[in-house]
Every structure is written in C-alpha cells, then in structure tokens.
Amino acid sequence: MSSPTSTGVAQLDLQAVRRAISGTFSLDDLKVACFDLGIVYDNLPGGTQDVKVIELIEYAKRHGMLQGLVAYVQKERPHLKLSNNAQTVAPAGATADERSKHRRALRDEHRDIYLVHTLRPSSERSGWYDILIYLIAHRDARLSEVSYAEFFLGGAWNNRIFKADNQDGFVGITVSAYGPFLCTSRVVFQDNHAVLLERYVDFEMAGALTRGSKRGGRS
C-alpha cells in the first residue's frame, strides 16, 4: 500500500504543523480529526484552540502517530502544502545559499521578534531564581507591532497560559523557578498575524551569577 503523502515527518518543523492546524481547524474540526484518528479529544489538556493543537501534536509524537496526523491534515487541507512550507528543515547537503534562504524565511515568519530571558538569584528563596522572559526586536523590527503574547510554561505552572499585553514596547513576564524549563509563547501582532516562539530557560549562567555575588560580598 502506498503512503498517503510523500512528506516525511522528520523533514517538517512542528511549528509549521501547529500553525497549519491552528490556522485552518476550528475546535469542532479538531474533535472530528481526533475521532477519525482514534484519539480521545477530551483527554487532550488545555482549554484554548492553540493549546489543544499543541497537545494533539505532542500526543501524536508520543504514540508514533505524527506521520498519520500530518497526512490527515494534508488530506483535509490540501492547499496547505506542508512539504513546501518555509519552516521545513533544510535538507542534508543544502548549499549555503539554500540555508540562507531558509534562515531568511524563518526571520520573515517571526518578523524578527524573538524570545529571550534573564535570571538572578531570588532574594526570597534559597536555590531559586527570578526569571524575566520577554520579547526583543532584531535590528529594524519594531516591538510596537506586537499586540500581546501568551506564555505557556507547562505542568509546574498548572498548564496556565499567561497573557502579557504590550506595555509601551515591553512584552514579557516574570516567574520564579529552581530548575530549567521550556517556555512557548504565542505572539500576536497588531494585524492578527501570530507566531509561536520557544525558549529553553536554562540556568547555565547561574553558577557565574552565584560566584560573582560571593566575590562582590567580600570585604
């Protein structure tokens, strides 16, 4: 039996898959898709469409169903042409020019808005860090074009979604944690264009901060 699609899952950026589903499937469409794929919709965490889509993709990854999910999306929405999406991974052996075009496509999709973080030892809890997660604009990009961002930090924060409006050119949140975690952020622009950014909030600089604090405290 031939495969229903020639698109290899390993060649797809999962952000592209997420955008394709979020942009063209309503919540009712998601319920139908789950039924057709043999997935219990009510078992997917999250109350918003975007979170449901993320959980659906994660479920498909865990259960070896990602290829089937991508094939289903392409069958139901053939105009998407996921295999030609700018977010697909550059093929092995790609020339420098091809990699440059791929990089440019990513920058265009993100509109040169990126997710960063800083941290410092907490003054209230030993071993914890206060972390600022926020958006920055690269070069000529303008944060004023961002309307708001929704930050999702995972189970340690009870799967809550934290919305941050643009406050005079600043879009971000402050949290406290004692270990690294993955943050995803849905960034919505003034014209309703939306992208999903991600940031692994690591503690690699924590040791340097601690050493610097100890040196600064010597008399």
N, C-alpha and C. Protein backbone atom coordinates (compact mmCIF):
# COMPACT_ATOMS: atom_id res chain seq x y z
N MET A 1 0.86 -1.20 0.00
CA MET A 1 0.00 0.00 0.00
C MET A 1 0.89 1.24 0.00
N SER A 2 0.58 2.19 -0.86
CA SER A 2 1.40 3.39 -0.94
C SER A 2 1.06 4.34 0.19
N SER A 3 2.04 5.17 0.53
CA SER A 3 1.82 6.15 1.59
C SER A 3 0.90 7.24 1.09
N PRO A 4 0.00 7.77 1.96
CA PRO A 4 -0.92 8.82 1.54
C PRO A 4 -0.26 10.15 1.28
N THR A 5 0.99 10.31 1.70
CA THR A 5 1.70 11.55 1.47
C THR A 5 3.17 11.28 1.32
N SER A 6 3.82 12.10 0.54
CA SER A 6 5.26 11.94 0.35
C SER A 6 6.06 12.80 1.30
N THR A 7 5.38 13.53 2.16
CA THR A 7 6.06 14.41 3.10
C THR A 7 6.59 13.62 4.28
N GLY A 8 7.90 13.59 4.48
CA GLY A 8 8.48 12.90 5.62
C GLY A 8 8.33 13.73 6.87
N VAL A 9 7.87 13.14 7.94
CA VAL A 9 7.67 13.89 9.18
C VAL A 9 8.98 14.46 9.69
N ALA A 10 10.06 13.70 9.52
CA ALA A 10 11.35 14.16 10.02
C ALA A 10 11.78 15.45 9.35
N GLN A 11 11.21 15.78 8.16
CA GLN A 11 11.59 16.98 7.43
C GLN A 11 10.69 18.17 7.76
N LEU A 12 9.74 17.98 8.66
CA LEU A 12 8.81 19.04 8.98
C LEU A 12 9.15 19.71 10.30
N ASP A 13 9.09 21.01 10.31
CA ASP A 13 9.18 21.75 11.56
C ASP A 13 7.81 21.66 12.23
N LEU A 14 7.78 21.21 13.47
CA LEU A 14 6.50 21.04 14.14
C LEU A 14 5.78 22.36 14.36
N GLN A 15 6.51 23.47 14.34
CA GLN A 15 5.83 24.76 14.41
C GLN A 15 4.98 24.97 13.16
N ALA A 16 5.49 24.50 12.00
CA ALA A 16 4.72 24.62 10.77
C ALA A 16 3.45 23.79 10.85
N VAL A 17 3.55 22.59 11.41
CA VAL A 17 2.38 21.74 11.57
C VAL A 17 1.38 22.40 12.51
N ARG A 18 1.87 22.95 13.61
CA ARG A 18 0.99 23.61 14.56
C ARG A 18 0.27 24.79 13.92
N ARG A 19 1.02 25.62 13.19
CA ARG A 19 0.39 26.77 12.55
C ARG A 19 -0.66 26.34 11.53
N ALA A 20 -0.34 25.28 10.79
CA ALA A 20 -1.28 24.81 9.77
C ALA A 20 -2.59 24.37 10.39
N ILE A 21 -2.50 23.63 11.51
CA ILE A 21 -3.72 23.16 12.16
C ILE A 21 -4.47 24.31 12.84
N SER A 22 -3.73 25.14 13.59
CA SER A 22 -4.37 26.23 14.32
C SER A 22 -5.05 27.22 13.38
N GLY A 23 -4.46 27.42 12.21
CA GLY A 23 -4.98 28.41 11.30
C GLY A 23 -6.15 27.94 10.45
N THR A 24 -6.39 26.64 10.38
CA THR A 24 -7.42 26.14 9.46
C THR A 24 -8.42 25.18 10.11
N PHE A 25 -8.18 24.75 11.35
CA PHE A 25 -9.07 23.83 12.04
C PHE A 25 -9.73 24.53 13.22
N SER A 26 -11.05 24.53 13.24
CA SER A 26 -11.78 25.04 14.40
C SER A 26 -11.74 23.97 15.50
N LEU A 27 -12.27 24.30 16.68
CA LEU A 27 -12.33 23.31 17.75
C LEU A 27 -13.20 22.12 17.33
N ASP A 28 -14.28 22.39 16.61
CA ASP A 28 -15.13 21.29 16.12
C ASP A 28 -14.36 20.44 15.12
N ASP A 29 -13.57 21.08 14.26
CA ASP A 29 -12.74 20.33 13.30
C ASP A 29 -11.75 19.44 14.03
N LEU A 30 -11.20 19.95 15.13
CA LEU A 30 -10.25 19.16 15.92
C LEU A 30 -10.92 17.93 16.51
N LYS A 31 -12.15 18.10 16.97
CA LYS A 31 -12.88 16.96 17.52
C LYS A 31 -13.09 15.89 16.45
N VAL A 32 -13.44 16.31 15.23
CA VAL A 32 -13.62 15.37 14.13
C VAL A 32 -12.30 14.69 13.80
N ALA A 33 -11.23 15.47 13.77
CA ALA A 33 -9.91 14.90 13.46
C ALA A 33 -9.52 13.85 14.49
N CYS A 34 -9.74 14.16 15.76
CA CYS A 34 -9.41 13.20 16.82
C CYS A 34 -10.24 11.93 16.66
N PHE A 35 -11.51 12.07 16.33
CA PHE A 35 -12.36 10.91 16.13
C PHE A 35 -11.84 10.05 14.98
N ASP A 36 -11.50 10.71 13.86
CA ASP A 36 -11.02 9.98 12.70
C ASP A 36 -9.68 9.29 12.96
N LEU A 37 -8.86 9.89 13.83
CA LEU A 37 -7.54 9.34 14.11
C LEU A 37 -7.53 8.40 15.31
N GLY A 38 -8.68 8.23 15.95
CA GLY A 38 -8.76 7.33 17.09
C GLY A 38 -8.19 7.91 18.37
N ILE A 39 -8.26 9.23 18.51
CA ILE A 39 -7.74 9.92 19.69
C ILE A 39 -8.92 10.48 20.48
N VAL A 40 -8.90 10.31 21.79
CA VAL A 40 -9.97 10.83 22.63
C VAL A 40 -9.74 12.32 22.86
N TYR A 41 -10.57 13.13 22.25
CA TYR A 41 -10.41 14.59 22.29
C TYR A 41 -10.41 15.11 23.73
N ASP A 42 -11.32 14.59 24.55
CA ASP A 42 -11.45 15.09 25.92
C ASP A 42 -10.23 14.78 26.79
N ASN A 43 -9.37 13.89 26.32
CA ASN A 43 -8.15 13.57 27.08
C ASN A 43 -7.02 14.54 26.79
N LEU A 44 -7.21 15.43 25.81
CA LEU A 44 -6.18 16.42 25.50
C LEU A 44 -6.32 17.59 26.45
N PRO A 45 -5.27 17.94 27.19
CA PRO A 45 -5.35 19.07 28.12
C PRO A 45 -5.53 20.39 27.37
N GLY A 46 -5.87 21.43 28.11
CA GLY A 46 -5.95 22.76 27.54
C GLY A 46 -7.37 23.16 27.19
N GLY A 47 -7.64 24.46 27.33
CA GLY A 47 -8.96 24.96 27.03
C GLY A 47 -9.04 25.81 25.79
N THR A 48 -7.89 26.26 25.28
CA THR A 48 -7.90 27.09 24.08
C THR A 48 -7.51 26.25 22.86
N GLN A 49 -7.82 26.78 21.70
CA GLN A 49 -7.54 26.06 20.47
C GLN A 49 -6.05 25.79 20.30
N ASP A 50 -5.23 26.82 20.53
CA ASP A 50 -3.80 26.65 20.30
C ASP A 50 -3.19 25.60 21.23
N VAL A 51 -3.61 25.60 22.48
CA VAL A 51 -3.08 24.61 23.42
C VAL A 51 -3.56 23.21 23.04
N LYS A 52 -4.81 23.08 22.63
CA LYS A 52 -5.33 21.79 22.18
C LYS A 52 -4.50 21.26 21.01
N VAL A 53 -4.15 22.14 20.08
CA VAL A 53 -3.37 21.72 18.92
C VAL A 53 -1.98 21.25 19.35
N ILE A 54 -1.36 21.99 20.26
CA ILE A 54 -0.04 21.60 20.76
C ILE A 54 -0.12 20.23 21.43
N GLU A 55 -1.14 20.03 22.26
CA GLU A 55 -1.28 18.76 22.96
C GLU A 55 -1.58 17.61 21.98
N LEU A 56 -2.33 17.92 20.92
CA LEU A 56 -2.60 16.90 19.90
C LEU A 56 -1.31 16.47 19.22
N ILE A 57 -0.46 17.44 18.87
CA ILE A 57 0.81 17.12 18.23
C ILE A 57 1.70 16.32 19.19
N GLU A 58 1.75 16.75 20.45
CA GLU A 58 2.57 16.03 21.43
C GLU A 58 2.07 14.60 21.62
N TYR A 59 0.75 14.44 21.66
CA TYR A 59 0.17 13.10 21.78
C TYR A 59 0.57 12.24 20.58
N ALA A 60 0.47 12.82 19.38
CA ALA A 60 0.83 12.08 18.17
C ALA A 60 2.31 11.68 18.19
N LYS A 61 3.16 12.56 18.70
CA LYS A 61 4.59 12.24 18.79
C LYS A 61 4.82 11.07 19.73
N ARG A 62 4.18 11.13 20.91
CA ARG A 62 4.39 10.09 21.92
C ARG A 62 3.91 8.73 21.46
N HIS A 63 2.87 8.70 20.64
CA HIS A 63 2.25 7.44 20.25
C HIS A 63 2.58 7.02 18.81
N GLY A 64 3.60 7.64 18.24
CA GLY A 64 4.02 7.25 16.90
C GLY A 64 2.99 7.53 15.82
N MET A 65 2.18 8.57 16.04
CA MET A 65 1.10 8.88 15.10
C MET A 65 1.34 10.17 14.33
N LEU A 66 2.54 10.74 14.44
CA LEU A 66 2.79 12.04 13.85
C LEU A 66 2.64 12.01 12.33
N GLN A 67 3.15 10.96 11.70
CA GLN A 67 3.04 10.87 10.25
C GLN A 67 1.57 10.79 9.82
N GLY A 68 0.78 10.04 10.58
CA GLY A 68 -0.64 9.93 10.28
C GLY A 68 -1.36 11.25 10.46
N LEU A 69 -0.97 12.01 11.50
CA LEU A 69 -1.58 13.31 11.74
C LEU A 69 -1.27 14.27 10.59
N VAL A 70 0.00 14.31 10.18
CA VAL A 70 0.39 15.20 9.08
C VAL A 70 -0.33 14.80 7.80
N ALA A 71 -0.43 13.50 7.54
CA ALA A 71 -1.13 13.02 6.34
C ALA A 71 -2.60 13.43 6.38
N TYR A 72 -3.21 13.33 7.56
CA TYR A 72 -4.62 13.70 7.70
C TYR A 72 -4.81 15.19 7.42
N VAL A 73 -3.93 16.02 8.00
CA VAL A 73 -4.04 17.47 7.79
C VAL A 73 -3.90 17.81 6.32
N GLN A 74 -2.94 17.18 5.65
CA GLN A 74 -2.74 17.48 4.23
C GLN A 74 -3.91 16.99 3.39
N LYS A 75 -4.52 15.88 3.80
CA LYS A 75 -5.67 15.37 3.06
C LYS A 75 -6.87 16.29 3.22
N GLU A 76 -7.09 16.77 4.45
CA GLU A 76 -8.24 17.62 4.72
C GLU A 76 -8.02 19.07 4.25
N ARG A 77 -6.77 19.50 4.24
CA ARG A 77 -6.45 20.87 3.83
C ARG A 77 -5.33 20.82 2.78
N PRO A 78 -5.61 20.31 1.59
CA PRO A 78 -4.56 20.12 0.58
C PRO A 78 -3.87 21.41 0.15
N HIS A 79 -4.53 22.54 0.32
CA HIS A 79 -3.93 23.80 -0.09
C HIS A 79 -2.75 24.21 0.78
N LEU A 80 -2.60 23.58 1.96
CA LEU A 80 -1.53 23.97 2.87
C LEU A 80 -0.15 23.65 2.31
N LYS A 81 -0.01 22.52 1.62
CA LYS A 81 1.27 22.14 1.03
C LYS A 81 2.40 22.21 2.06
N LEU A 82 2.24 21.42 3.11
CA LEU A 82 3.22 21.46 4.20
C LEU A 82 4.63 21.15 3.73
N SER A 83 4.76 20.32 2.73
CA SER A 83 6.10 19.94 2.27
C SER A 83 6.85 21.11 1.68
N ASN A 84 6.12 22.17 1.29
CA ASN A 84 6.76 23.34 0.72
C ASN A 84 6.80 24.51 1.68
N ASN A 85 6.40 24.25 2.92
CA ASN A 85 6.35 25.32 3.90
C ASN A 85 7.75 25.83 4.19
N ALA A 86 7.85 27.13 4.42
CA ALA A 86 9.16 27.73 4.68
C ALA A 86 9.80 27.18 5.95
N GLN A 87 8.98 26.60 6.83
CA GLN A 87 9.51 26.14 8.10
C GLN A 87 10.08 24.73 8.04
N THR A 88 9.98 24.06 6.89
CA THR A 88 10.54 22.72 6.82
C THR A 88 12.04 22.78 7.04
N VAL A 89 12.60 21.72 7.59
CA VAL A 89 14.02 21.67 7.89
C VAL A 89 14.81 21.64 6.60
N ALA A 90 15.85 22.43 6.52
CA ALA A 90 16.69 22.42 5.33
C ALA A 90 17.28 21.03 5.14
N PRO A 91 17.22 20.46 3.94
CA PRO A 91 17.69 19.10 3.71
C PRO A 91 19.20 18.97 3.91
N ALA A 92 19.61 17.76 4.24
CA ALA A 92 21.04 17.49 4.39
C ALA A 92 21.74 17.79 3.08
N GLY A 93 22.91 18.41 3.17
CA GLY A 93 23.66 18.72 1.97
C GLY A 93 23.21 20.00 1.29
N ALA A 94 22.32 20.76 1.93
CA ALA A 94 21.85 22.01 1.33
C ALA A 94 23.02 22.98 1.17
N THR A 95 22.97 23.74 0.11
CA THR A 95 24.03 24.71 -0.14
C THR A 95 23.90 25.89 0.82
N ALA A 96 24.95 26.68 0.90
CA ALA A 96 24.91 27.86 1.76
C ALA A 96 23.80 28.81 1.32
N ASP A 97 23.56 28.90 0.03
CA ASP A 97 22.50 29.77 -0.47
C ASP A 97 21.14 29.26 -0.04
N GLU A 98 20.92 27.94 -0.09
CA GLU A 98 19.66 27.36 0.34
C GLU A 98 19.45 27.55 1.83
N ARG A 99 20.51 27.37 2.60
CA ARG A 99 20.40 27.58 4.04
C ARG A 99 20.11 29.05 4.35
N SER A 100 20.70 29.95 3.58
CA SER A 100 20.46 31.36 3.78
C SER A 100 19.00 31.72 3.50
N LYS A 101 18.43 31.14 2.43
CA LYS A 101 17.03 31.39 2.11
C LYS A 101 16.12 30.84 3.20
N HIS A 102 16.48 29.67 3.73
CA HIS A 102 15.70 29.07 4.81
C HIS A 102 15.74 29.95 6.05
N ARG A 103 16.91 30.47 6.36
CA ARG A 103 17.08 31.35 7.51
C ARG A 103 16.27 32.64 7.32
N ARG A 104 16.29 33.17 6.12
CA ARG A 104 15.53 34.39 5.82
C ARG A 104 14.03 34.15 5.99
N ALA A 105 13.57 32.96 5.56
CA ALA A 105 12.16 32.63 5.69
C ALA A 105 11.74 32.57 7.16
N LEU A 106 12.61 32.03 8.01
CA LEU A 106 12.32 31.99 9.44
C LEU A 106 12.22 33.40 10.01
N ARG A 107 13.16 34.26 9.63
CA ARG A 107 13.14 35.63 10.13
C ARG A 107 11.89 36.37 9.67
N ASP A 108 11.49 36.13 8.42
CA ASP A 108 10.29 36.78 7.90
C ASP A 108 9.05 36.30 8.65
N GLU A 109 8.99 34.98 8.92
CA GLU A 109 7.84 34.43 9.62
C GLU A 109 7.73 35.02 11.02
N HIS A 110 8.88 35.16 11.71
CA HIS A 110 8.89 35.70 13.07
C HIS A 110 8.87 37.21 13.10
N ARG A 111 9.02 37.83 11.92
CA ARG A 111 9.10 39.29 11.80
C ARG A 111 10.23 39.84 12.67
N ASP A 112 11.27 39.05 12.81
CA ASP A 112 12.46 39.42 13.58
C ASP A 112 12.14 39.76 15.03
N ILE A 113 11.13 39.09 15.58
CA ILE A 113 10.81 39.19 17.01
C ILE A 113 11.21 37.87 17.65
N TYR A 114 11.94 37.93 18.77
CA TYR A 114 12.48 36.71 19.37
C TYR A 114 12.25 36.70 20.88
N LEU A 115 12.35 35.50 21.45
CA LEU A 115 12.10 35.28 22.87
C LEU A 115 13.44 35.08 23.58
N VAL A 116 13.66 35.83 24.65
CA VAL A 116 14.90 35.74 25.42
C VAL A 116 14.56 35.70 26.91
N HIS A 117 15.59 35.48 27.74
CA HIS A 117 15.35 35.51 29.18
C HIS A 117 16.61 35.94 29.93
N THR A 118 16.40 36.48 31.11
CA THR A 118 17.48 36.78 32.05
C THR A 118 17.06 36.20 33.40
N LEU A 119 18.03 35.99 34.27
CA LEU A 119 17.71 35.47 35.60
C LEU A 119 18.66 36.03 36.64
N ARG A 120 18.22 35.96 37.88
CA ARG A 120 19.05 36.37 39.00
C ARG A 120 18.61 35.58 40.23
N PRO A 121 19.51 35.33 41.18
CA PRO A 121 19.12 34.59 42.39
C PRO A 121 17.98 35.28 43.11
N SER A 122 17.04 34.50 43.57
CA SER A 122 15.90 35.05 44.29
C SER A 122 16.34 35.56 45.66
N SER A 123 15.80 36.69 46.04
CA SER A 123 16.11 37.26 47.35
C SER A 123 15.21 36.67 48.43
N GLU A 124 14.24 35.87 48.03
CA GLU A 124 13.27 35.35 48.99
C GLU A 124 13.44 33.87 49.28
N ARG A 125 13.90 33.08 48.25
CA ARG A 125 14.00 31.63 48.43
C ARG A 125 15.37 31.14 47.98
N SER A 126 16.07 30.48 48.86
CA SER A 126 17.39 29.96 48.55
C SER A 126 17.32 28.89 47.47
N GLY A 127 18.19 28.95 46.49
CA GLY A 127 18.23 27.97 45.42
C GLY A 127 17.26 28.26 44.28
N TRP A 128 16.45 29.29 44.42
CA TRP A 128 15.51 29.68 43.38
C TRP A 128 16.05 30.88 42.61
N TYR A 129 15.47 31.10 41.43
CA TYR A 129 15.86 32.23 40.60
C TYR A 129 14.62 32.97 40.10
N ASP A 130 14.75 34.28 40.05
CA ASP A 130 13.72 35.10 39.44
C ASP A 130 14.08 35.27 37.97
N ILE A 131 13.13 34.94 37.09
CA ILE A 131 13.41 34.88 35.67
C ILE A 131 12.50 35.83 34.91
N LEU A 132 13.11 36.64 34.08
CA LEU A 132 12.36 37.54 33.21
C LEU A 132 12.38 36.96 31.80
N ILE A 133 11.20 36.65 31.26
CA ILE A 133 11.07 36.11 29.90
C ILE A 133 10.36 37.17 29.07
N TYR A 134 10.98 37.58 27.98
CA TYR A 134 10.41 38.71 27.25
C TYR A 134 10.80 38.67 25.77
N LEU A 135 10.15 39.54 25.00
CA LEU A 135 10.39 39.63 23.56
C LEU A 135 11.40 40.73 23.27
N ILE A 136 12.23 40.50 22.26
CA ILE A 136 13.11 41.55 21.77
C ILE A 136 12.95 41.65 20.26
N ALA A 137 13.27 42.81 19.73
CA ALA A 137 13.20 43.04 18.29
C ALA A 137 14.62 43.11 17.73
N HIS A 138 14.85 42.44 16.62
CA HIS A 138 16.17 42.43 16.00
C HIS A 138 16.27 43.55 14.97
N ARG A 139 17.31 44.35 15.12
CA ARG A 139 17.61 45.42 14.17
C ARG A 139 16.41 46.34 13.93
N ASP A 140 15.88 46.35 12.69
CA ASP A 140 14.84 47.31 12.33
C ASP A 140 13.43 46.86 12.69
N ALA A 141 13.29 45.68 13.27
CA ALA A 141 11.96 45.21 13.68
C ALA A 141 11.45 46.09 14.81
N ARG A 142 10.13 46.14 14.98
CA ARG A 142 9.54 47.02 15.98
C ARG A 142 8.60 46.24 16.89
N LEU A 143 8.88 46.32 18.18
CA LEU A 143 8.01 45.65 19.15
C LEU A 143 6.64 46.31 19.21
N SER A 144 6.54 47.54 18.74
CA SER A 144 5.25 48.23 18.75
C SER A 144 4.23 47.52 17.86
N GLU A 145 4.70 46.66 16.94
CA GLU A 145 3.81 45.92 16.07
C GLU A 145 3.19 44.71 16.76
N VAL A 146 3.70 44.37 17.96
CA VAL A 146 3.17 43.25 18.73
C VAL A 146 2.01 43.73 19.59
N SER A 147 0.90 43.02 19.54
CA SER A 147 -0.26 43.37 20.37
C SER A 147 -0.12 42.74 21.76
N TYR A 148 0.13 41.42 21.79
CA TYR A 148 0.29 40.74 23.07
C TYR A 148 0.96 39.39 22.83
N ALA A 149 1.33 38.72 23.92
CA ALA A 149 1.92 37.39 23.83
C ALA A 149 1.33 36.51 24.93
N GLU A 150 1.16 35.24 24.63
CA GLU A 150 0.67 34.27 25.60
C GLU A 150 1.81 33.30 25.92
N PHE A 151 2.18 33.22 27.19
CA PHE A 151 3.30 32.39 27.62
C PHE A 151 2.77 31.11 28.27
N PHE A 152 3.35 29.98 27.85
CA PHE A 152 2.95 28.68 28.39
C PHE A 152 4.20 27.98 28.91
N LEU A 153 4.20 27.64 30.21
CA LEU A 153 5.39 27.12 30.87
C LEU A 153 5.29 25.66 31.26
N GLY A 154 4.11 25.07 31.13
CA GLY A 154 3.98 23.64 31.41
C GLY A 154 3.32 23.31 32.73
N GLY A 155 3.47 22.04 33.10
CA GLY A 155 2.76 21.50 34.25
C GLY A 155 3.12 22.10 35.58
N ALA A 156 4.36 22.56 35.74
CA ALA A 156 4.76 23.16 37.01
C ALA A 156 3.98 24.43 37.32
N TRP A 157 3.38 25.00 36.30
CA TRP A 157 2.52 26.17 36.47
C TRP A 157 1.06 25.81 36.19
N ASN A 158 0.72 24.55 36.43
CA ASN A 158 -0.66 24.06 36.27
C ASN A 158 -1.21 24.29 34.86
N ASN A 159 -0.31 24.26 33.87
CA ASN A 159 -0.69 24.42 32.46
C ASN A 159 -1.47 25.71 32.21
N ARG A 160 -1.19 26.72 33.01
CA ARG A 160 -1.83 28.02 32.80
C ARG A 160 -1.20 28.75 31.62
N ILE A 161 -1.97 29.62 31.01
CA ILE A 161 -1.48 30.48 29.94
C ILE A 161 -1.44 31.91 30.48
N PHE A 162 -0.26 32.52 30.44
CA PHE A 162 -0.08 33.86 30.97
C PHE A 162 -0.04 34.86 29.82
N LYS A 163 -1.02 35.74 29.78
CA LYS A 163 -1.10 36.73 28.71
C LYS A 163 -0.39 38.01 29.15
N ALA A 164 0.46 38.54 28.27
CA ALA A 164 1.17 39.79 28.55
C ALA A 164 0.88 40.77 27.41
N ASP A 165 0.20 41.85 27.71
CA ASP A 165 -0.05 42.88 26.72
C ASP A 165 1.21 43.70 26.49
N ASN A 166 1.25 44.37 25.36
CA ASN A 166 2.36 45.26 25.06
C ASN A 166 2.26 46.50 25.93
N GLN A 167 3.22 46.65 26.82
CA GLN A 167 3.23 47.79 27.74
C GLN A 167 4.33 48.77 27.32
N ASP A 168 3.98 49.69 26.45
CA ASP A 168 4.93 50.71 25.99
C ASP A 168 6.20 50.09 25.43
N GLY A 169 6.03 49.05 24.63
CA GLY A 169 7.18 48.44 23.97
C GLY A 169 7.81 47.28 24.74
N PHE A 170 7.20 46.89 25.85
CA PHE A 170 7.72 45.73 26.59
C PHE A 170 6.63 44.67 26.66
N VAL A 171 7.02 43.44 26.32
CA VAL A 171 6.10 42.30 26.37
C VAL A 171 6.84 41.16 27.07
N GLY A 172 6.42 40.83 28.29
CA GLY A 172 7.10 39.76 29.00
C GLY A 172 6.46 39.44 30.33
N ILE A 173 7.01 38.43 30.99
CA ILE A 173 6.52 38.01 32.31
C ILE A 173 7.72 37.70 33.20
N THR A 174 7.47 37.72 34.51
CA THR A 174 8.49 37.34 35.50
C THR A 174 7.97 36.15 36.29
N VAL A 175 8.78 35.12 36.42
CA VAL A 175 8.42 33.94 37.19
C VAL A 175 9.60 33.54 38.07
N SER A 176 9.36 32.65 39.01
CA SER A 176 10.42 32.10 39.84
C SER A 176 10.48 30.59 39.66
N ALA A 177 11.68 30.03 39.63
CA ALA A 177 11.85 28.59 39.42
C ALA A 177 13.18 28.15 40.01
N TYR A 178 13.30 26.85 40.22
CA TYR A 178 14.55 26.31 40.74
C TYR A 178 15.21 25.36 39.75
N GLY A 179 14.62 25.20 38.57
CA GLY A 179 15.20 24.33 37.56
C GLY A 179 14.79 24.78 36.17
N PRO A 180 15.52 24.35 35.14
CA PRO A 180 15.23 24.78 33.77
C PRO A 180 13.89 24.24 33.25
N PHE A 181 13.34 24.91 32.25
CA PHE A 181 12.06 24.50 31.68
C PHE A 181 11.94 25.08 30.28
N LEU A 182 10.99 24.55 29.52
CA LEU A 182 10.73 25.03 28.17
C LEU A 182 9.54 25.99 28.21
N CYS A 183 9.72 27.15 27.61
CA CYS A 183 8.65 28.13 27.50
C CYS A 183 8.26 28.28 26.04
N THR A 184 6.96 28.23 25.74
CA THR A 184 6.48 28.57 24.41
C THR A 184 5.65 29.84 24.53
N SER A 185 5.69 30.65 23.49
CA SER A 185 4.98 31.91 23.53
C SER A 185 4.29 32.15 22.19
N ARG A 186 2.98 32.32 22.23
CA ARG A 186 2.21 32.69 21.04
C ARG A 186 2.17 34.20 20.96
N VAL A 187 2.82 34.73 19.93
CA VAL A 187 2.94 36.17 19.77
C VAL A 187 1.93 36.63 18.72
N VAL A 188 1.10 37.58 19.10
CA VAL A 188 0.06 38.09 18.21
C VAL A 188 0.37 39.54 17.86
N PHE A 189 0.45 39.81 16.57
CA PHE A 189 0.76 41.15 16.10
C PHE A 189 -0.52 41.98 15.94
N GLN A 190 -0.33 43.27 15.72
CA GLN A 190 -1.47 44.18 15.60
C GLN A 190 -2.39 43.80 14.45
N ASP A 191 -1.84 43.19 13.39
CA ASP A 191 -2.67 42.79 12.25
C ASP A 191 -3.19 41.36 12.38
N ASN A 192 -3.08 40.78 13.61
CA ASN A 192 -3.56 39.44 13.95
C ASN A 192 -2.68 38.32 13.41
N HIS A 193 -1.57 38.65 12.77
CA HIS A 193 -0.60 37.60 12.43
C HIS A 193 -0.06 37.02 13.73
N ALA A 194 0.08 35.71 13.81
CA ALA A 194 0.55 35.06 15.04
C ALA A 194 1.65 34.07 14.74
N VAL A 195 2.62 33.98 15.63
CA VAL A 195 3.70 33.00 15.52
C VAL A 195 3.91 32.37 16.89
N LEU A 196 4.47 31.18 16.89
CA LEU A 196 4.79 30.50 18.14
C LEU A 196 6.30 30.46 18.29
N LEU A 197 6.79 31.12 19.32
CA LEU A 197 8.22 31.14 19.63
C LEU A 197 8.48 30.20 20.80
N GLU A 198 9.72 29.79 20.93
CA GLU A 198 10.07 28.90 22.03
C GLU A 198 11.42 29.30 22.62
N ARG A 199 11.58 29.02 23.90
CA ARG A 199 12.83 29.35 24.59
C ARG A 199 13.07 28.33 25.68
N TYR A 200 14.23 27.69 25.64
CA TYR A 200 14.62 26.80 26.74
C TYR A 200 15.24 27.67 27.81
N VAL A 201 14.55 27.80 28.93
CA VAL A 201 15.02 28.66 30.00
C VAL A 201 16.02 27.87 30.84
N ASP A 202 17.28 28.03 30.49
CA ASP A 202 18.35 27.28 31.15
C ASP A 202 18.92 28.09 32.31
N PHE A 203 19.70 27.39 33.13
CA PHE A 203 20.35 28.01 34.28
C PHE A 203 21.86 27.97 34.12
N GLU A 204 22.35 27.95 32.90
CA GLU A 204 23.78 27.81 32.66
C GLU A 204 24.58 28.95 33.28
N MET A 205 24.01 30.15 33.37
CA MET A 205 24.72 31.29 33.94
C MET A 205 24.55 31.39 35.45
N ALA A 206 23.78 30.48 36.02
CA ALA A 206 23.50 30.56 37.46
C ALA A 206 24.77 30.48 38.28
N GLY A 207 25.68 29.59 37.90
CA GLY A 207 26.93 29.44 38.64
C GLY A 207 27.76 30.70 38.61
N ALA A 208 27.84 31.33 37.46
CA ALA A 208 28.60 32.56 37.34
C ALA A 208 27.99 33.67 38.18
N LEU A 209 26.66 33.73 38.19
CA LEU A 209 25.99 34.75 39.00
C LEU A 209 26.27 34.55 40.48
N THR A 210 26.23 33.29 40.90
CA THR A 210 26.48 32.98 42.31
C THR A 210 27.90 33.33 42.70
N ARG A 211 28.87 32.96 41.83
CA ARG A 211 30.28 33.27 42.12
C ARG A 211 30.50 34.77 42.16
N GLY A 212 29.85 35.49 41.22
CA GLY A 212 30.00 36.93 41.19
C GLY A 212 29.43 37.57 42.45
N SER A 213 28.34 37.04 42.94
CA SER A 213 27.72 37.57 44.15
C SER A 213 28.62 37.35 45.36
N LYS A 214 29.27 36.17 45.41
CA LYS A 214 30.16 35.88 46.53
C LYS A 214 31.39 36.79 46.52
N ARG A 215 31.95 37.00 45.31
CA ARG A 215 33.12 37.87 45.20
C ARG A 215 32.76 39.30 45.58
N GLY A 216 31.58 39.75 45.16
CA GLY A 216 31.15 41.11 45.46
C GLY A 216 30.91 41.32 46.94
N GLY A 217 30.67 40.24 47.69
CA GLY A 217 30.36 40.37 49.11
C GLY A 217 31.59 40.35 49.99
N ARG A 218 32.78 40.16 49.42
CA ARG A 218 34.00 40.13 50.24
C ARG A 218 34.43 41.54 50.60
N SER A 219 34.96 41.68 51.78
CA SER A 219 35.45 42.99 52.23
C SER A 219 36.95 43.08 52.02
